[in-house]
Protein backbone atom coordinates (compact mmCIF):
# COMPACT_ATOMS: atom_id res chain seq x y z
CA MET A 1 12.98 55.95 19.25
CA LYS A 2 11.75 54.49 16.02
CA LYS A 3 9.04 51.84 16.31
CA PHE A 4 8.85 49.82 13.17
CA LEU A 5 5.57 47.97 12.63
CA TRP A 6 4.17 45.87 9.83
CA ALA A 7 0.99 47.44 8.50
CA ALA A 8 0.33 44.61 6.04
CA ILE A 9 2.24 41.55 5.02
CA THR A 10 1.71 39.24 2.07
CA SER A 11 3.90 36.47 0.70
CA LEU A 12 3.90 35.23 -2.87
CA CYS A 13 5.40 31.76 -2.90
CA ALA A 14 7.27 30.87 -6.10
CA LEU A 15 8.21 27.39 -4.95
CA ILE A 16 5.44 25.95 -7.13
CA GLY A 17 3.82 28.91 -8.87
CA PRO A 18 1.72 28.78 -12.05
CA VAL A 19 1.54 25.55 -14.00
CA SER A 20 3.29 27.03 -17.03
CA SER A 21 6.47 27.67 -15.04
CA THR A 22 6.64 24.80 -12.55
CA LEU A 23 9.31 22.93 -14.48
CA ALA A 24 11.90 25.63 -13.78
CA GLN A 25 11.15 26.40 -10.12
CA SER A 26 13.75 26.55 -7.37
CA THR A 27 13.51 27.03 -3.59
CA THR A 28 13.40 30.85 -3.85
CA PHE A 29 10.22 32.81 -3.27
CA THR A 30 9.14 36.45 -3.38
CA TYR A 31 8.13 38.22 -0.16
CA GLN A 32 6.25 41.54 -0.06
CA GLY A 33 5.68 43.67 3.00
CA SER A 34 4.67 47.08 4.30
CA LEU A 35 6.78 48.93 6.85
CA THR A 36 5.65 51.81 9.08
CA ASP A 37 7.46 53.97 11.63
CA ASN A 38 5.23 55.33 14.43
CA GLY A 39 2.22 54.67 12.24
CA GLN A 40 3.62 56.40 9.17
CA ARG A 41 4.59 54.56 6.00
CA VAL A 42 8.33 54.98 5.46
CA THR A 43 10.36 55.70 2.36
CA GLY A 44 14.11 55.03 2.25
CA SER A 45 16.78 52.36 2.35
CA TYR A 46 16.66 49.65 5.03
CA ASP A 47 18.55 46.50 5.99
CA LEU A 48 16.30 43.47 6.56
CA LEU A 49 17.12 40.17 8.30
CA PHE A 50 14.86 37.12 7.91
CA LEU A 51 14.83 33.94 10.05
CA LEU A 52 12.60 30.89 9.48
CA PHE A 53 10.85 29.29 12.49
CA ASN A 54 8.48 26.38 13.07
CA ALA A 55 6.27 28.24 15.56
CA SER A 56 4.63 31.67 15.92
CA SER A 57 6.71 32.25 19.08
CA GLY A 58 9.47 30.30 20.74
CA GLY A 59 9.91 27.05 18.81
CA GLY A 60 13.02 26.28 16.83
CA GLN A 61 14.85 28.23 14.16
CA ILE A 62 14.86 26.16 10.97
CA ASN A 63 16.97 28.26 8.64
CA GLY A 64 18.50 31.67 8.10
CA PRO A 65 19.40 34.35 8.39
CA ASN A 66 18.66 35.78 4.96
CA THR A 67 20.18 39.26 5.31
CA ILE A 68 19.36 41.76 2.58
CA LEU A 69 21.05 45.14 2.78
CA GLY A 70 19.84 48.39 1.33
CA VAL A 71 16.29 47.35 0.49
CA GLY A 72 14.37 50.19 -1.14
CA VAL A 73 11.11 50.98 0.63
CA THR A 74 8.64 53.31 -1.07
CA ASN A 75 5.56 54.52 0.78
CA GLY A 76 6.05 51.58 3.15
CA LEU A 77 6.11 48.92 0.43
CA PHE A 78 9.04 46.63 -0.43
CA THR A 79 9.71 43.36 -2.22
CA VAL A 80 12.57 40.90 -1.55
CA THR A 81 13.56 37.44 -2.76
CA LEU A 82 14.28 34.82 -0.09
CA ASP A 83 15.68 31.32 -0.14
CA PHE A 84 15.51 28.97 2.86
CA GLY A 85 16.19 25.78 0.86
CA GLY A 86 13.91 22.76 0.98
CA ASN A 87 12.46 23.48 4.41
CA PHE A 88 8.79 23.51 3.43
CA PRO A 89 7.50 19.93 3.79
CA GLY A 90 3.93 21.09 4.37
CA ALA A 91 4.20 22.01 8.06
CA ASP A 92 3.48 25.59 9.15
CA ARG A 93 6.35 28.08 8.88
CA TRP A 94 6.84 31.64 10.27
CA LEU A 95 9.23 34.44 9.37
CA GLU A 96 10.93 36.45 12.09
CA ILE A 97 11.99 39.78 10.60
CA SER A 98 14.41 42.38 11.91
CA VAL A 99 15.02 45.85 10.45
CA ARG A 100 17.29 48.87 10.71
CA PRO A 101 17.98 51.96 8.60
CA ALA A 102 20.61 50.97 6.04
CA GLY A 103 23.98 50.63 7.80
CA VAL A 104 22.84 52.41 10.95
CA GLY A 105 22.65 50.94 14.47
CA SER A 106 21.36 47.56 15.58
CA TYR A 107 18.44 45.57 14.24
CA THR A 108 14.95 45.83 15.74
CA THR A 109 13.10 42.50 15.83
CA LEU A 110 9.51 42.91 14.70
CA SER A 111 6.57 41.19 16.35
CA PRO A 112 4.62 39.11 15.70
CA ARG A 113 6.30 36.64 13.39
CA GLN A 114 4.66 36.42 9.98
CA LYS A 115 3.09 33.12 8.94
CA LEU A 116 3.85 31.95 5.42
CA ASN A 117 0.65 30.85 3.72
CA SER A 118 0.15 28.65 0.66
CA THR A 119 -0.60 30.04 -2.76
CA PRO A 120 -3.48 28.41 -4.73
CA TYR A 121 -1.10 26.42 -6.96
CA ALA A 122 0.86 25.19 -3.95
CA ILE A 123 -2.39 23.87 -2.47
CA THR A 124 -3.15 22.09 -5.74
CA ALA A 125 0.29 20.46 -5.81
CA ALA A 126 0.00 19.28 -2.22
CA ASN A 127 -3.22 17.46 -3.07
CA LEU A 128 -2.29 16.17 -6.53
CA THR A 129 -3.59 12.69 -7.30
CA GLY A 130 -3.64 10.55 -10.41
CA GLY A 131 -1.17 10.44 -13.26
CA LEU A 132 1.24 13.11 -14.42
CA PRO A 133 1.89 13.36 -18.19
CA ALA A 134 5.43 12.31 -19.07
CA VAL A 135 5.99 15.59 -20.95
CA GLN A 136 5.68 17.42 -17.60
CA ILE A 137 8.69 15.58 -16.14
CA VAL A 138 12.09 17.15 -16.83
CA GLY A 139 15.46 16.27 -15.32
CA THR A 140 16.53 13.34 -13.17
CA VAL A 141 14.11 11.56 -10.85
CA ALA A 142 15.79 9.88 -7.87
CA SER A 143 15.32 6.12 -7.76
CA ALA A 144 13.72 6.40 -4.33
CA GLN A 145 10.96 8.52 -5.90
CA VAL A 146 10.17 6.14 -8.76
CA GLY A 147 8.37 3.55 -6.69
CA SER A 148 8.52 -0.23 -6.80
CA PHE A 149 7.64 -2.95 -9.27
CA THR A 150 7.52 -5.61 -6.54
CA ASN A 151 3.72 -5.68 -6.41
CA HIS A 152 3.42 -6.45 -10.12
CA SER A 153 3.31 -10.17 -10.87
CA ASP A 154 4.22 -9.56 -14.52
CA VAL A 155 7.57 -7.87 -13.69
CA ILE A 156 10.67 -9.87 -12.73
CA LEU A 157 13.60 -7.77 -11.48
CA ASN A 158 15.82 -10.37 -9.79
CA GLY A 159 19.46 -9.48 -10.35
CA LEU A 160 18.79 -6.26 -12.25
CA THR A 161 22.16 -4.54 -12.81
CA PRO A 162 23.28 -1.16 -14.18
CA GLY A 163 22.94 -0.99 -17.95
CA GLN A 164 20.05 -3.45 -18.10
CA SER A 165 16.55 -2.75 -19.36
CA LEU A 166 13.22 -4.57 -19.16
CA ALA A 167 12.25 -6.85 -22.05
CA PHE A 168 8.73 -8.24 -22.51
CA SER A 169 8.66 -12.00 -23.07
CA GLY A 170 4.98 -12.09 -24.01
CA THR A 171 3.86 -12.88 -20.46
CA ALA A 172 6.31 -11.03 -18.20
CA TRP A 173 8.87 -8.23 -18.15
CA THR A 174 12.36 -9.57 -17.45
CA ASN A 175 15.93 -8.29 -17.27
CA GLY A 176 17.88 -7.59 -20.43
CA VAL A 177 20.98 -5.61 -21.42
CA ILE A 178 20.86 -2.98 -24.15
CA SER A 179 23.22 -4.14 -26.89
CA PRO A 180 25.96 -1.66 -27.89
CA THR A 181 25.84 -3.10 -31.43
CA GLY A 182 22.11 -2.60 -31.93
CA ASN A 183 21.55 -6.35 -32.38
CA GLY A 184 18.46 -6.52 -30.17
CA LEU A 185 18.78 -7.20 -26.47
CA LEU A 186 22.03 -8.55 -25.08
CA VAL A 187 20.77 -11.14 -22.62
CA PRO A 188 23.09 -12.49 -19.89
CA LEU A 189 22.90 -16.24 -19.32
CA SER A 190 23.51 -17.92 -15.97
CA TYR A 191 23.98 -21.40 -14.58
CA SER A 192 21.29 -23.64 -13.14
CA GLY A 193 23.47 -26.31 -11.63
CA THR A 194 25.57 -27.54 -14.59
CA ASN A 195 22.89 -26.45 -17.11
CA VAL A 196 22.48 -23.09 -18.82
CA PRO A 197 18.81 -22.27 -19.68
CA VAL A 198 18.03 -20.09 -22.71
CA ASN A 199 14.81 -18.05 -23.06
CA ALA A 200 14.74 -16.93 -26.70
CA ALA A 201 11.62 -14.85 -26.08
CA VAL A 202 13.66 -12.11 -24.37
CA GLY A 203 16.33 -11.54 -27.02
CA THR A 204 18.56 -12.83 -29.81
CA HIS A 205 22.07 -12.16 -28.48
CA PHE A 206 23.09 -14.17 -25.42
CA ARG A 207 26.27 -13.87 -23.36
CA LEU A 208 27.66 -16.39 -20.86
CA LEU A 209 30.72 -16.09 -18.64
CA VAL A 210 31.84 -19.72 -18.41
CA THR A 211 32.94 -20.74 -14.92
CA ASN A 212 32.35 -24.53 -15.20
CA ASN A 213 31.67 -27.17 -17.83
CA PHE A 214 28.03 -26.90 -18.88
CA LEU A 215 25.10 -28.07 -20.98
CA LEU A 216 23.55 -25.36 -23.18
CA GLN A 217 19.90 -26.29 -22.89
CA ASN A 218 17.39 -26.32 -25.73
CA PRO A 219 16.10 -22.74 -26.14
CA THR A 220 12.52 -22.04 -25.06
CA GLY A 221 10.24 -19.33 -26.45
CA THR A 222 11.73 -19.47 -29.93
CA SER A 223 9.97 -18.29 -33.08
CA ASP A 224 10.34 -19.86 -36.51
CA GLY A 225 13.21 -18.31 -38.42
CA GLN A 226 14.66 -16.61 -35.35
CA ARG A 227 18.43 -16.16 -35.35
CA LEU A 228 20.28 -16.72 -32.07
CA ILE A 229 23.82 -15.63 -31.29
CA PHE A 230 25.68 -17.07 -28.31
CA GLU A 231 28.75 -15.25 -26.98
CA ILE A 232 30.66 -17.64 -24.71
CA ILE A 233 33.49 -16.18 -22.62
CA GLN A 234 36.05 -18.28 -20.73
CA ASP A 235 36.78 -17.15 -17.19
CA ALA A 236 40.28 -16.48 -15.84
CA THR A 237 40.87 -20.24 -15.54
CA GLY A 238 39.84 -21.22 -19.08
CA GLY A 239 39.50 -24.70 -20.56
CA ARG A 240 35.75 -25.01 -19.85
CA THR A 241 33.75 -27.29 -22.13
CA MET A 242 30.23 -27.15 -23.58
CA VAL A 243 27.63 -29.79 -24.54
CA LEU A 244 24.66 -28.79 -26.72
CA GLY A 245 21.06 -29.73 -26.02
CA SER A 246 19.33 -32.18 -28.38
CA ALA A 247 17.53 -29.43 -30.33
CA PHE A 248 20.85 -28.06 -31.65
CA LYS A 249 21.73 -29.59 -35.02
CA LEU A 250 25.22 -29.60 -36.56
CA GLY A 251 25.91 -29.95 -40.28
CA SER A 252 28.42 -32.23 -42.01
CA ASP A 253 30.84 -29.32 -42.43
CA LEU A 254 30.67 -28.53 -38.71
CA PRO A 255 30.35 -31.92 -37.01
CA LEU A 256 31.48 -30.80 -33.51
CA LEU A 257 32.21 -27.74 -31.46
CA ASN A 258 35.20 -27.31 -29.17
CA LEU A 259 35.40 -24.09 -27.21
CA THR A 260 38.66 -22.19 -26.98
CA THR A 261 40.81 -23.26 -24.04
CA ASN A 262 42.38 -19.86 -23.51
CA ALA A 263 41.40 -17.88 -20.42
CA ASN A 264 39.35 -14.71 -20.95
CA ARG A 265 38.83 -15.46 -24.67
CA ARG A 266 35.43 -15.76 -26.32
CA ASP A 267 33.71 -17.86 -28.99
CA PHE A 268 30.64 -16.98 -31.06
CA LEU A 269 27.97 -19.51 -31.99
CA THR A 270 25.30 -18.52 -34.57
CA CYS A 271 22.08 -20.51 -34.93
CA VAL A 272 18.79 -20.35 -36.82
CA ASN A 273 15.59 -21.80 -35.36
CA SER A 274 13.37 -23.81 -37.69
CA GLY A 275 10.44 -25.76 -36.30
CA THR A 276 11.66 -27.66 -33.24
CA ASN A 277 15.32 -27.57 -34.31
CA VAL A 278 18.05 -25.02 -33.77
CA PHE A 279 20.52 -25.29 -36.65
CA VAL A 280 24.12 -24.23 -35.98
CA VAL A 281 25.19 -22.20 -39.01
CA GLY A 282 28.39 -20.60 -37.74
CA PHE A 283 31.13 -20.89 -35.16
CA VAL A 284 33.94 -18.35 -34.66
CA LYS A 285 36.56 -19.28 -32.11
CA GLY A 286 39.16 -17.67 -29.89
CA TYR A 287 38.60 -13.91 -29.87
């Protein structure tokens, strides 16, 4: 009866590998071994079956089998590529290996199981601290892996929605929407009671879905010469009205503003800030 034994076993883990190739790594790794029969190194074709366990004996099978047929063995030496998925969280892992001559008879389970050891670069990765250069990051990073801004007093993320970005107001980072027209940040406005506050420090293009009559408050955080565009959209009911704060100034050719009464239609109000005043220079109605 043949008695297969492992004379020497080494594993070369390609899960992390050299730094120059880490960006393209998968869960596969290369395994090298040496097979003997009654103390003699064998040459020939063999079928190999690999199981992954969490203990050197007994324990629980984690993954497998990886069955590789017709592996060429030369003077006892062979190399195979294995893939057990993402089952290497840092805990110890052992391979249980079975062998038979290619296509002949049943498998012989070899003992003991072979422990998979770390390669030097895997050890480095497991103990990595500090920052990682942005150029080393390729692909999509899951949101759960990004971390949290909640411990940063200068970041305000209340109500952050898909399609929004962070805009710096000079003192804090706040929510803003990237404009599809390239006209700066498209900033959504919201109600505070019957008032609508405007922070001109976070953008120039403001959008409000009108659900009640409201007062458009005097903008804060304005800069001299800044242009402000207000996009005001009636809800499905329509007929909502607007009152301007005292800083808004109308000219003789535009003495008052009446919003469209049609549901789901929008009006555009263009203003220019000068000093403490916000001059209304344009009004387009009913789109």
